[in-house]
Structure formats: structure tokens, C-alpha cells
Amino acid sequence: MNRQAQAVVLLLLGGAVLRASVTDLYLRYVKEGLRPFLIAAGLLLVVAAIMTLWYELRPARPAAQVPVAPGDATAPPSVDQPGPGDADEHGHHEPRVGWLLILPVLGLLLVAPPALGSYAADQAGSTLSAPAQSDYPPLPDGDPAQVSVLDYAARALFDRGVSLGDRRVQLTGFIATGTGGEPILARMVLSCCAADGRPVKLGLTGDVPAGLPNDSWVEVIGRYSDRVGRDPVNDAEIPYLEVESWRQVPAPRNQYG
């Protein structure tokens, strides 16, 4: 693959990164706060590709002429200076396998991969880290209070529901399969990107969502339950929620969190 082809691949890659960054597609790969860095990286790739193409496609410089004195028979012949992109006179060709590098770029441009869901949650154990401080802030105003799956799980496990009290809470997550085949509520959480995604799982009691396939997104309203289960993958504790009502909802814009 010559430099012109490499520049084209670089241009496509930069364009793919920019396309993902200016739409919500990037949220399937990295955390929302990394968007400015993706835009900057995409712009750098595009600029580098354009500069390379300009250098390779610019007109060749004229041949250098060596001054010759009249009657000087020992003067050296003129030397041709090869211009950018001149072909190898021996017919050398770069290996065509280099063009395979364009396949992942085309995949990024043409195929939008789904966000991590129930399959990833089933393969990984529920992961919760104890907070640095034991005091939790008050729940948001409103009835029910809107909290994330991660926030509820942390309060239920590490605070034993003290900061939840008897308040009703509203959570949004996707359906996954728990121990014994019962549905659980889950949400994937990222530290940086999808490669380090880990699930947070909640067991459900009461009016448990039924008849929904895995990866269906639901909004549940309920109260704290002191019941605790175990994740069969890593034996981690899984808190429960006493569900009072639920409804199926579309997948959110940002499916991680």
C-alpha cells in the first residue's frame, strides 16, 4: 500500500471517528465525557490525511540542471529528481494485503454495533464498589424519586437502605436473566469505554415484569427491599427492589450508566 492509499484509509478513519462523535453513535463505544477528545482525534486524522495527499499529489519539481562551462567535456549529466508519487522504475508493487486495513474502517462507517446488553451482563458478575464516604446525599425531590440502577444498588447494599427509607424510586434498565431464570433489572456501567463495561444487577420482587424478552427496556417504580441475592457468576451480592409498577420504554439515548 503506497502513501496515497494510506492517506485515503487515514481520511476514512478520521471521517468515521468524526461521524460517530457528532452523532450519538459514540455513546456505544465510550463514556459521554470523552466526546471532545474523539472530535479532536478525528480532526487530527483528517488533517494528517489531507497533508499527506497534498504532498504526494503535488506536481513534481523540474529536473536540476548542473551548470556546464563551454567546451567542458567532463561535465556530469543532468540529474533527474524523482517527484512525490513517482513509480518505481523496477515495477515494484506493495503487497495488496495492506488494503485489508480498510475493512474495519468500512465497518465503523457502515455498521452500528449494538450497546452491551443482557448477553454481556450474563457473562460478567455484578460489580459494585463501596463509596469513599459512608454518607449518601438525599434522594432527588419528587414522587417517585428518579435514581439510577447504580445509585439504588449502592444505597441498598452499602447503606442498607437507610438513605432510601420508605421513598418510592423510579429506575430504568434492561431485562436480563437471573438465577433460576427469573427476570432481573440490569444496566451496564463504563469506566472508560465499552471494553471495560461491567453490569450492575438488581433482583426484582412484587410486580415483576413478565413476558418480555431479554434486552427489553423497562421503567420500574418501587421501594427498597432488604432481600439480597447472590450472583452465580462471581458470588457478589445483588440487592432487590420491591416493584409496585412497571412499563416498557424505548432504549435511552445513553444506554450506559
Protein backbone atom coordinates (compact mmCIF):
# COMPACT_ATOMS: atom_id res chain seq x y z
CA MET A 1 0.00 0.00 0.00
CA ASN A 2 1.58 3.29 -1.10
CA ARG A 3 1.33 6.57 0.76
CA GLN A 4 -1.65 7.78 -1.24
CA ALA A 5 -3.64 4.70 -0.30
CA GLN A 6 -2.54 5.03 3.31
CA ALA A 7 -3.75 8.63 3.31
CA VAL A 8 -7.14 7.55 1.95
CA VAL A 9 -7.51 4.97 4.73
CA LEU A 10 -6.48 7.60 7.27
CA LEU A 11 -9.04 10.01 5.83
CA LEU A 12 -11.80 7.40 6.04
CA LEU A 13 -10.85 6.54 9.61
CA GLY A 14 -10.87 10.19 10.66
CA GLY A 15 -14.22 10.69 8.95
CA ALA A 16 -15.66 7.65 10.73
CA VAL A 17 -14.48 8.95 14.11
CA LEU A 18 -15.96 12.39 13.40
CA ARG A 19 -19.25 10.87 12.22
CA ALA A 20 -19.54 8.84 15.41
CA SER A 21 -18.60 11.86 17.53
CA VAL A 22 -21.19 14.27 16.13
CA THR A 23 -23.98 11.71 16.49
CA ASP A 24 -24.97 9.51 19.42
CA LEU A 25 -23.10 6.56 17.91
CA TYR A 26 -20.02 7.28 20.02
CA LEU A 27 -22.03 6.51 23.17
CA ARG A 28 -21.88 2.83 22.21
CA TYR A 29 -18.10 2.89 22.49
CA VAL A 30 -17.05 5.36 25.21
CA LYS A 31 -18.38 7.49 28.04
CA GLU A 32 -20.21 10.68 27.19
CA GLY A 33 -17.50 12.92 28.65
CA LEU A 34 -14.93 11.70 26.08
CA ARG A 35 -16.71 13.30 23.13
CA PRO A 36 -14.36 16.34 22.84
CA PHE A 37 -11.32 14.06 22.71
CA LEU A 38 -12.89 11.97 19.94
CA ILE A 39 -13.64 15.07 17.89
CA ALA A 40 -10.06 16.30 18.31
CA ALA A 41 -8.64 12.89 17.34
CA GLY A 42 -10.88 12.71 14.26
CA LEU A 43 -9.83 16.19 13.13
CA LEU A 44 -6.14 15.34 13.56
CA LEU A 45 -6.55 12.20 11.44
CA VAL A 46 -8.32 14.11 8.69
CA VAL A 47 -5.71 16.90 8.66
CA ALA A 48 -2.87 14.36 8.56
CA ALA A 49 -4.52 12.55 5.64
CA ILE A 50 -5.07 15.78 3.68
CA MET A 51 -1.47 16.89 4.23
CA THR A 52 -0.18 13.52 3.07
CA LEU A 53 -2.33 13.57 -0.08
CA TRP A 54 -1.23 17.14 -0.86
CA TYR A 55 2.43 16.15 -0.55
CA GLU A 56 2.04 13.05 -2.68
CA LEU A 57 -0.07 14.64 -5.42
CA ARG A 58 1.70 17.95 -5.82
CA PRO A 59 3.43 18.49 -9.20
CA ALA A 60 6.95 17.08 -9.48
CA ARG A 61 9.80 19.57 -9.39
CA PRO A 62 11.70 20.12 -12.68
CA ALA A 63 14.98 18.28 -13.16
CA ALA A 64 18.00 20.00 -11.67
CA GLN A 65 20.47 21.29 -14.27
CA VAL A 66 24.18 21.39 -13.49
CA PRO A 67 25.93 24.46 -14.92
CA VAL A 68 28.39 23.45 -17.67
CA ALA A 69 31.27 25.59 -18.84
CA PRO A 70 31.65 25.93 -22.65
CA GLY A 71 33.85 23.15 -24.02
CA ASP A 72 33.89 21.17 -20.73
CA ALA A 73 33.71 17.53 -21.84
CA THR A 74 33.96 16.17 -18.30
CA ALA A 75 30.75 17.79 -17.05
CA PRO A 76 28.37 15.33 -15.37
CA PRO A 77 24.98 14.66 -16.94
CA SER A 78 21.88 16.30 -15.51
CA VAL A 79 20.29 14.54 -12.57
CA ASP A 80 16.55 13.94 -12.56
CA GLN A 81 14.96 14.44 -9.18
CA PRO A 82 12.10 12.00 -8.64
CA GLY A 83 8.92 13.71 -7.60
CA PRO A 84 6.50 12.52 -4.94
CA GLY A 85 4.49 9.56 -6.10
CA ASP A 86 6.88 8.62 -8.95
CA ALA A 87 6.61 4.91 -9.71
CA ASP A 88 9.46 2.58 -9.02
CA GLU A 89 11.30 2.02 -12.32
CA HIS A 90 11.69 -1.65 -11.48
CA GLY A 91 7.91 -2.12 -11.23
CA HIS A 92 7.87 -2.81 -7.50
CA HIS A 93 4.36 -3.27 -6.09
CA GLU A 94 3.29 -3.08 -2.47
CA PRO A 95 1.51 -6.17 -1.10
CA ARG A 96 -2.23 -5.94 -1.73
CA VAL A 97 -2.99 -7.41 1.67
CA GLY A 98 -2.46 -3.90 3.06
CA TRP A 99 -5.86 -2.95 1.63
CA LEU A 100 -7.45 -5.19 4.26
CA LEU A 101 -6.79 -2.34 6.70
CA ILE A 102 -9.75 -0.57 5.16
CA LEU A 103 -12.23 -3.26 6.29
CA PRO A 104 -12.52 -2.17 9.95
CA VAL A 105 -12.87 1.42 8.78
CA LEU A 106 -15.74 0.49 6.48
CA GLY A 107 -17.28 -1.49 9.32
CA LEU A 108 -17.20 1.58 11.54
CA LEU A 109 -18.77 3.68 8.78
CA LEU A 110 -21.48 1.25 7.68
CA VAL A 111 -22.34 -0.88 10.72
CA ALA A 112 -23.61 0.50 14.04
CA PRO A 113 -22.93 -2.14 16.71
CA PRO A 114 -25.49 -2.51 19.50
CA ALA A 115 -24.67 -1.40 23.03
CA LEU A 116 -23.71 -4.06 25.56
CA GLY A 117 -26.80 -5.75 26.91
CA SER A 118 -28.12 -8.88 28.57
CA TYR A 119 -25.57 -11.23 27.00
CA ALA A 120 -22.68 -9.21 28.44
CA ALA A 121 -24.49 -8.98 31.78
CA ASP A 122 -24.96 -12.76 31.88
CA GLN A 123 -21.25 -13.36 31.23
CA ALA A 124 -19.91 -10.93 33.86
CA GLY A 125 -20.55 -10.73 37.57
CA SER A 126 -22.30 -7.77 39.14
CA THR A 127 -19.71 -5.24 40.26
CA LEU A 128 -20.22 -2.59 42.91
CA SER A 129 -17.54 -0.58 44.68
CA ALA A 130 -18.07 0.78 48.16
CA PRO A 131 -18.09 4.59 48.16
CA ALA A 132 -15.27 6.54 49.76
CA GLN A 133 -17.78 8.24 52.06
CA SER A 134 -20.45 6.44 54.02
CA ASP A 135 -22.94 9.32 53.87
CA TYR A 136 -25.25 9.42 50.86
CA PRO A 137 -26.89 12.64 49.69
CA PRO A 138 -30.69 12.93 49.99
CA LEU A 139 -32.74 11.44 47.20
CA PRO A 140 -33.96 13.79 44.48
CA ASP A 141 -37.26 15.56 45.04
CA GLY A 142 -40.42 14.15 43.59
CA ASP A 143 -42.51 11.04 43.98
CA PRO A 144 -41.14 8.75 42.78
CA ALA A 145 -37.52 9.87 43.05
CA GLN A 146 -35.62 9.20 39.84
CA VAL A 147 -32.35 7.36 40.55
CA SER A 148 -30.01 5.23 38.51
CA VAL A 149 -29.66 1.48 38.88
CA LEU A 150 -26.12 2.02 40.15
CA ASP A 151 -27.20 4.59 42.76
CA TYR A 152 -30.02 2.42 44.07
CA ALA A 153 -27.83 -0.69 44.21
CA ALA A 154 -25.09 1.13 46.14
CA ARG A 155 -27.57 2.61 48.63
CA ALA A 156 -29.30 -0.74 49.09
CA LEU A 157 -26.08 -2.69 49.70
CA PHE A 158 -23.67 -0.34 51.43
CA ASP A 159 -26.20 1.89 53.20
CA ARG A 160 -28.66 -0.94 53.88
CA GLY A 161 -31.45 1.25 52.59
CA VAL A 162 -31.12 3.94 55.27
CA SER A 163 -30.89 6.77 52.72
CA LEU A 164 -33.74 5.22 50.72
CA GLY A 165 -36.15 4.96 53.63
CA ASP A 166 -39.71 4.30 52.50
CA ARG A 167 -39.45 6.55 49.44
CA ARG A 168 -40.65 5.33 46.08
CA VAL A 169 -37.94 5.27 43.44
CA GLN A 170 -38.00 5.08 39.66
CA LEU A 171 -35.30 3.20 37.76
CA THR A 172 -34.71 2.41 34.09
CA GLY A 173 -32.79 -0.63 32.87
CA PHE A 174 -32.95 -3.66 30.62
CA ILE A 175 -34.25 -7.12 31.37
CA ALA A 176 -31.71 -9.91 31.87
CA THR A 177 -31.93 -13.44 33.21
CA GLY A 178 -31.21 -14.05 36.88
CA THR A 179 -30.71 -17.16 38.97
CA GLY A 180 -33.39 -19.72 38.24
CA GLY A 181 -34.44 -17.94 35.07
CA GLU A 182 -36.32 -15.09 36.75
CA PRO A 183 -36.05 -11.63 35.18
CA ILE A 184 -33.71 -9.10 36.75
CA LEU A 185 -33.05 -5.42 36.04
CA ALA A 186 -29.57 -4.56 34.82
CA ARG A 187 -27.54 -1.65 33.48
CA MET A 188 -24.01 -1.64 32.06
CA VAL A 189 -21.58 0.84 33.60
CA LEU A 190 -18.40 2.09 31.91
CA SER A 191 -15.17 3.27 33.49
CA CYS A 192 -13.82 4.50 30.15
CA CYS A 193 -15.09 2.54 27.17
CA ALA A 194 -17.21 -0.48 26.25
CA ALA A 195 -14.20 -2.78 26.67
CA ASP A 196 -14.30 -2.29 30.46
CA GLY A 197 -18.12 -2.33 30.75
CA ARG A 198 -19.48 -4.14 33.78
CA PRO A 199 -23.06 -4.90 34.82
CA VAL A 200 -24.98 -3.72 37.84
CA LYS A 201 -27.83 -6.12 38.57
CA LEU A 202 -31.00 -5.81 40.65
CA GLY A 203 -33.28 -8.62 41.73
CA LEU A 204 -37.00 -7.90 41.49
CA THR A 205 -39.89 -8.87 43.76
CA GLY A 206 -43.53 -7.85 43.79
CA ASP A 207 -45.00 -6.88 40.40
CA VAL A 208 -42.12 -8.35 38.41
CA PRO A 209 -42.08 -7.60 34.64
CA ALA A 210 -43.24 -10.71 32.83
CA GLY A 211 -43.45 -11.84 29.24
CA LEU A 212 -40.62 -9.62 28.00
CA PRO A 213 -37.55 -10.88 26.14
CA ASN A 214 -34.05 -10.06 27.30
CA ASP A 215 -32.76 -6.59 26.41
CA SER A 216 -36.25 -5.08 26.71
CA TRP A 217 -36.01 -1.69 28.42
CA VAL A 218 -38.40 -1.06 31.29
CA GLU A 219 -39.12 1.69 33.78
CA VAL A 220 -39.94 0.33 37.21
CA ILE A 221 -41.30 2.08 40.30
CA GLY A 222 -40.85 0.51 43.69
CA ARG A 223 -39.43 0.66 47.18
CA TYR A 224 -36.38 -0.64 48.99
CA SER A 225 -36.30 -4.34 49.81
CA ASP A 226 -33.89 -5.81 52.33
CA ARG A 227 -33.68 -9.04 50.37
CA VAL A 228 -30.20 -9.82 49.00
CA GLY A 229 -29.28 -12.47 46.46
CA ARG A 230 -26.04 -13.82 45.00
CA ASP A 231 -24.70 -13.51 41.50
CA PRO A 232 -23.94 -17.02 40.16
CA VAL A 233 -21.07 -15.63 38.07
CA ASN A 234 -18.90 -14.19 40.87
CA ASP A 235 -20.98 -14.76 44.04
CA ALA A 236 -21.36 -10.98 44.52
CA GLU A 237 -24.33 -9.64 46.47
CA ILE A 238 -27.31 -8.49 44.40
CA PRO A 239 -29.81 -6.12 46.05
CA TYR A 240 -33.53 -6.34 45.39
CA LEU A 241 -36.28 -3.87 44.61
CA GLU A 242 -39.92 -4.28 45.61
CA VAL A 243 -41.68 -3.41 42.34
CA GLU A 244 -45.03 -1.65 42.53
CA SER A 245 -45.49 -0.91 38.83
CA TRP A 246 -43.57 -1.07 35.58
CA ARG A 247 -43.87 -0.19 31.90
CA GLN A 248 -41.86 -0.95 28.79
CA VAL A 249 -39.95 2.03 27.37
CA PRO A 250 -37.69 2.68 24.36
CA ALA A 251 -33.95 2.30 24.83
CA PRO A 252 -32.47 5.55 26.19
CA ARG A 253 -30.07 7.73 24.21
CA ASN A 254 -27.20 6.69 26.50
CA GLN A 255 -27.61 3.04 27.39
CA TYR A 256 -24.72 3.02 29.85
CA GLY A 257 -24.85 4.47 33.33
